[in-house]
C-alpha atoms as a PDB file:
ATOM      1  CA  MET A   1     -11.234  -4.560 -18.322  1.00  0.00           C
ATOM      2  CA  LYS A   2     -11.394  -8.172 -19.346  1.00  0.00           C
ATOM      3  CA  VAL A   3     -10.766 -11.354 -17.514  1.00  0.00           C
ATOM      4  CA  ALA A   4     -10.195 -15.136 -18.347  1.00  0.00           C
ATOM      5  CA  ILE A   5     -11.611 -17.678 -15.788  1.00  0.00           C
ATOM      6  CA  ALA A   6     -11.576 -21.228 -15.522  1.00  0.00           C
ATOM      7  CA  SER A   7     -11.737 -23.680 -12.771  1.00  0.00           C
ATOM      8  CA  ASP A   8     -10.924 -27.261 -12.801  1.00  0.00           C
ATOM      9  CA  HIS A   9     -13.417 -29.838 -11.546  1.00  0.00           C
ATOM     10  CA  GLY A  10     -12.878 -28.831  -8.085  1.00  0.00           C
ATOM     11  CA  GLY A  11     -13.868 -24.925  -8.687  1.00  0.00           C
ATOM     12  CA  ILE A  12     -16.647 -25.259 -10.866  1.00  0.00           C
ATOM     13  CA  HIS A  13     -19.456 -23.724  -8.268  1.00  0.00           C
ATOM     14  CA  ILE A  14     -17.198 -21.165  -7.247  1.00  0.00           C
ATOM     15  CA  ARG A  15     -16.280 -20.313 -11.096  1.00  0.00           C
ATOM     16  CA  LYS A  16     -20.349 -20.092 -11.777  1.00  0.00           C
ATOM     17  CA  GLU A  17     -20.493 -17.920  -8.966  1.00  0.00           C
ATOM     18  CA  ILE A  18     -17.971 -15.216 -10.084  1.00  0.00           C
ATOM     19  CA  ILE A  19     -19.061 -15.418 -13.357  1.00  0.00           C
ATOM     20  CA  SER A  20     -22.570 -13.910 -11.735  1.00  0.00           C
ATOM     21  CA  LEU A  21     -20.656 -11.534 -10.599  1.00  0.00           C
ATOM     22  CA  LEU A  22     -18.865 -10.589 -13.421  1.00  0.00           C
ATOM     23  CA  ASP A  23     -21.703 -10.327 -15.092  1.00  0.00           C
ATOM     24  CA  GLU A  24     -23.385  -7.867 -12.365  1.00  0.00           C
ATOM     25  CA  LEU A  25     -20.324  -5.727 -12.791  1.00  0.00           C
ATOM     26  CA  LYS A  26     -20.773  -5.107 -16.734  1.00  0.00           C
ATOM     27  CA  ILE A  27     -17.196  -7.147 -16.637  1.00  0.00           C
ATOM     28  CA  PRO A  28     -16.249  -8.852 -19.798  1.00  0.00           C
ATOM     29  CA  TYR A  29     -14.944 -12.232 -19.517  1.00  0.00           C
ATOM     30  CA  VAL A  30     -13.328 -15.515 -21.428  1.00  0.00           C
ATOM     31  CA  ASP A  31     -14.737 -18.610 -20.054  1.00  0.00           C
ATOM     32  CA  LEU A  32     -12.173 -21.070 -20.448  1.00  0.00           C
ATOM     33  CA  GLY A  33     -14.045 -24.069 -18.644  1.00  0.00           C
ATOM     34  CA  CYS A  34     -14.237 -26.787 -17.124  1.00  0.00           C
ATOM     35  CA  GLU A  35     -17.701 -28.087 -17.361  1.00  0.00           C
ATOM     36  CA  CYS A  36     -17.653 -31.305 -15.857  1.00  0.00           C
ATOM     37  CA  GLU A  37     -17.390 -32.744 -12.155  1.00  0.00           C
ATOM     38  CA  SER A  38     -14.993 -35.322 -13.148  1.00  0.00           C
ATOM     39  CA  SER A  39     -11.301 -35.504 -13.118  1.00  0.00           C
ATOM     40  CA  VAL A  40      -9.129 -33.283 -14.796  1.00  0.00           C
ATOM     41  CA  ASP A  41      -5.456 -31.973 -14.670  1.00  0.00           C
ATOM     42  CA  TYR A  42      -5.732 -28.280 -13.232  1.00  0.00           C
ATOM     43  CA  PRO A  43      -2.778 -27.130 -15.410  1.00  0.00           C
ATOM     44  CA  ASP A  44      -4.881 -27.471 -18.350  1.00  0.00           C
ATOM     45  CA  TYR A  45      -6.836 -24.818 -17.139  1.00  0.00           C
ATOM     46  CA  ALA A  46      -4.595 -22.436 -15.059  1.00  0.00           C
ATOM     47  CA  VAL A  47      -2.152 -22.366 -18.028  1.00  0.00           C
ATOM     48  CA  PRO A  48      -4.800 -20.912 -20.950  1.00  0.00           C
ATOM     49  CA  VAL A  49      -5.706 -18.200 -18.271  1.00  0.00           C
ATOM     50  CA  ALA A  50      -2.086 -17.235 -17.363  1.00  0.00           C
ATOM     51  CA  GLU A  51      -1.097 -17.306 -21.109  1.00  0.00           C
ATOM     52  CA  LYS A  52      -4.164 -14.865 -22.151  1.00  0.00           C
ATOM     53  CA  VAL A  53      -3.444 -12.481 -19.383  1.00  0.00           C
ATOM     54  CA  ALA A  54       0.921 -12.440 -20.277  1.00  0.00           C
ATOM     55  CA  GLY A  55      -0.496 -12.102 -23.959  1.00  0.00           C
ATOM     56  CA  GLY A  56      -2.488  -9.276 -23.297  1.00  0.00           C
ATOM     57  CA  GLU A  57      -5.753 -11.040 -24.568  1.00  0.00           C
ATOM     58  CA  ALA A  58      -7.343 -10.502 -20.789  1.00  0.00           C
ATOM     59  CA  ASP A  59      -6.124  -7.854 -18.527  1.00  0.00           C
ATOM     60  CA  ARG A  60      -6.624 -10.269 -15.294  1.00  0.00           C
ATOM     61  CA  GLY A  61      -7.304 -13.824 -15.328  1.00  0.00           C
ATOM     62  CA  ILE A  62      -9.533 -15.750 -11.941  1.00  0.00           C
ATOM     63  CA  LEU A  63      -8.631 -19.490 -11.511  1.00  0.00           C
ATOM     64  CA  ILE A  64     -10.370 -21.903  -9.046  1.00  0.00           C
ATOM     65  CA  CYS A  65      -9.538 -25.525  -7.891  1.00  0.00           C
ATOM     66  CA  GLY A  66     -10.182 -27.405  -4.976  1.00  0.00           C
ATOM     67  CA  THR A  67      -7.726 -25.328  -3.076  1.00  0.00           C
ATOM     68  CA  GLY A  68      -6.532 -22.956  -5.084  1.00  0.00           C
ATOM     69  CA  ILE A  69      -2.490 -24.249  -4.805  1.00  0.00           C
ATOM     70  CA  GLY A  70      -2.507 -26.165  -8.325  1.00  0.00           C
ATOM     71  CA  MET A  71      -3.695 -23.609 -10.294  1.00  0.00           C
ATOM     72  CA  SER A  72      -1.668 -20.898  -8.661  1.00  0.00           C
ATOM     73  CA  ILE A  73       1.875 -22.837  -9.248  1.00  0.00           C
ATOM     74  CA  ALA A  74       1.027 -23.449 -12.651  1.00  0.00           C
ATOM     75  CA  ALA A  75      -0.304 -20.154 -13.729  1.00  0.00           C
ATOM     76  CA  ASN A  76       2.887 -18.543 -11.813  1.00  0.00           C
ATOM     77  CA  LYS A  77       5.372 -20.844 -14.031  1.00  0.00           C
ATOM     78  CA  VAL A  78       3.624 -18.546 -17.125  1.00  0.00           C
ATOM     79  CA  LYS A  79       6.344 -15.591 -17.671  1.00  0.00           C
ATOM     80  CA  GLY A  80       4.600 -11.837 -16.771  1.00  0.00           C
ATOM     81  CA  VAL A  81       1.809 -13.508 -14.583  1.00  0.00           C
ATOM     82  CA  ARG A  82       1.733 -12.637 -10.576  1.00  0.00           C
ATOM     83  CA  CYS A  83      -0.979 -15.411  -9.300  1.00  0.00           C
ATOM     84  CA  ALA A  84      -1.954 -14.681  -5.778  1.00  0.00           C
ATOM     85  CA  LEU A  85      -3.733 -17.434  -3.924  1.00  0.00           C
ATOM     86  CA  VAL A  86      -6.153 -15.720  -1.827  1.00  0.00           C
ATOM     87  CA  HIS A  87      -8.861 -16.807   0.917  1.00  0.00           C
ATOM     88  CA  ASP A  88      -9.239 -13.643   2.769  1.00  0.00           C
ATOM     89  CA  THR A  89     -10.663 -10.261   1.636  1.00  0.00           C
ATOM     90  CA  PHE A  90      -7.586  -8.451   3.363  1.00  0.00           C
ATOM     91  CA  SER A  91      -5.226 -10.337   1.429  1.00  0.00           C
ATOM     92  CA  ALA A  92      -6.953  -9.870  -2.016  1.00  0.00           C
ATOM     93  CA  LYS A  93      -6.843  -5.955  -1.975  1.00  0.00           C
ATOM     94  CA  ALA A  94      -3.126  -5.889  -0.140  1.00  0.00           C
ATOM     95  CA  THR A  95      -2.094  -8.302  -3.513  1.00  0.00           C
ATOM     96  CA  ARG A  96      -3.599  -6.023  -5.835  1.00  0.00           C
ATOM     97  CA  GLU A  97      -2.500  -2.774  -4.230  1.00  0.00           C
ATOM     98  CA  HIS A  98       1.283  -4.130  -3.201  1.00  0.00           C
ATOM     99  CA  ASN A  99       1.916  -6.948  -5.493  1.00  0.00           C
ATOM    100  CA  ASN A 100      -0.173  -5.905  -8.728  1.00  0.00           C
ATOM    101  CA  SER A 101      -1.228  -9.194  -9.332  1.00  0.00           C
ATOM    102  CA  ASN A 102      -3.007 -10.006 -12.570  1.00  0.00           C
ATOM    103  CA  VAL A 103      -4.326 -13.626 -12.129  1.00  0.00           C
ATOM    104  CA  LEU A 104      -6.318 -14.564  -8.605  1.00  0.00           C
ATOM    105  CA  ALA A 105      -6.485 -18.210  -7.411  1.00  0.00           C
ATOM    106  CA  MET A 106      -8.972 -19.513  -4.706  1.00  0.00           C
ATOM    107  CA  GLY A 107      -9.867 -23.014  -3.459  1.00  0.00           C
ATOM    108  CA  GLU A 108     -13.668 -24.020  -3.677  1.00  0.00           C
ATOM    109  CA  ARG A 109     -12.847 -26.503  -0.774  1.00  0.00           C
ATOM    110  CA  VAL A 110     -11.433 -23.625   1.392  1.00  0.00           C
ATOM    111  CA  ILE A 111     -13.961 -20.587   1.307  1.00  0.00           C
ATOM    112  CA  GLY A 112     -17.588 -20.475   0.448  1.00  0.00           C
ATOM    113  CA  PRO A 113     -19.020 -18.842  -2.431  1.00  0.00           C
ATOM    114  CA  GLY A 114     -19.983 -15.376  -0.579  1.00  0.00           C
ATOM    115  CA  LEU A 115     -16.642 -15.231   0.553  1.00  0.00           C
ATOM    116  CA  ALA A 116     -15.461 -15.950  -3.152  1.00  0.00           C
ATOM    117  CA  ARG A 117     -17.566 -13.373  -4.773  1.00  0.00           C
ATOM    118  CA  ASP A 118     -16.350 -10.579  -1.688  1.00  0.00           C
ATOM    119  CA  ILE A 119     -12.609 -11.720  -2.531  1.00  0.00           C
ATOM    120  CA  ALA A 120     -13.679 -11.590  -6.297  1.00  0.00           C
ATOM    121  CA  LYS A 121     -15.023  -7.990  -6.237  1.00  0.00           C
ATOM    122  CA  ILE A 122     -12.310  -6.439  -4.200  1.00  0.00           C
ATOM    123  CA  TRP A 123      -9.344  -7.936  -6.288  1.00  0.00           C
ATOM    124  CA  LEU A 124     -11.022  -6.317  -9.833  1.00  0.00           C
ATOM    125  CA  GLU A 125     -11.815  -2.797  -7.811  1.00  0.00           C
ATOM    126  CA  THR A 126      -8.626  -2.312  -6.530  1.00  0.00           C
ATOM    127  CA  PRO A 127      -5.940  -0.700  -8.109  1.00  0.00           C
ATOM    128  CA  PHE A 128      -2.242  -1.011  -8.223  1.00  0.00           C
ATOM    129  CA  ASP A 129      -0.675   1.681  -5.644  1.00  0.00           C
ATOM    130  CA  GLY A 130       2.621   1.757  -7.917  1.00  0.00           C
ATOM    131  CA  GLY A 131       5.092   4.292  -7.884  1.00  0.00           C
ATOM    132  CA  GLY A 132       7.597   3.545  -4.586  1.00  0.00           C
ATOM    133  CA  ARG A 133       8.538   0.623  -3.021  1.00  0.00           C
ATOM    134  CA  HIS A 134       5.559  -1.345  -4.436  1.00  0.00           C
ATOM    135  CA  GLU A 135       6.444  -0.890  -8.114  1.00  0.00           C
ATOM    136  CA  GLN A 136      10.455  -1.231  -7.113  1.00  0.00           C
ATOM    137  CA  ARG A 137       9.485  -4.839  -5.549  1.00  0.00           C
ATOM    138  CA  VAL A 138       7.442  -6.005  -8.633  1.00  0.00           C
ATOM    139  CA  ASN A 139      10.348  -4.454 -11.265  1.00  0.00           C
ATOM    140  CA  LYS A 140      12.452  -6.829  -9.094  1.00  0.00           C
ATOM    141  CA  VAL A 141      10.577  -9.607  -9.497  1.00  0.00           C
ATOM    142  CA  SER A 142       9.941  -9.409 -13.066  1.00  0.00           C
ATOM    143  CA  LEU A 143      13.984  -9.400 -13.249  1.00  0.00           C
ATOM    144  CA  ILE A 144      14.333 -12.720 -11.573  1.00  0.00           C
ATOM    145  CA  GLU A 145      11.875 -13.723 -14.527  1.00  0.00           C
ATOM    146  CA  GLN A 146      14.555 -12.801 -17.244  1.00  0.00           C
ATOM    147  CA  ARG A 147      17.059 -14.746 -15.556  1.00  0.00           C
ATOM    148  CA  SER A 148      18.547 -17.921 -17.348  1.00  0.00           C
ATOM    149  CA  PRO A 149      18.733 -21.094 -15.344  1.00  0.00           C
ATOM    150  CA  GLU A 150      22.612 -21.647 -14.577  1.00  0.00           C
END
């Protein structure tokens, strides 16, 4: 597994915590920034991570901003991305098992570093349940992406 990770100015501290976790788990990653605490635009960081996942250069992506909301919205605009905004461990497990999410978004102003590490670890280690109703539902979501606007 290879992970693409990024944050905007509102998520740099938790991004560093997650990078530490990736090092501990010996999971290769590409860090796409940012390194500043001055205001930057979250789409400039969310989209490159999402594109790496959608393009197969990374298997999973992790995004952190102040709330996780902006990052998740931007990432989900990229075809093939299923970004889940998660702030609890139950949802981290469920979004992998049931939704086969390939990008995780979190908010540094919402959760602390310990919980963020727990969420990321669970999300990284949980496989997609696959088969049956879960795969059918994920496939239906993929079909929505195929539609052209009317």
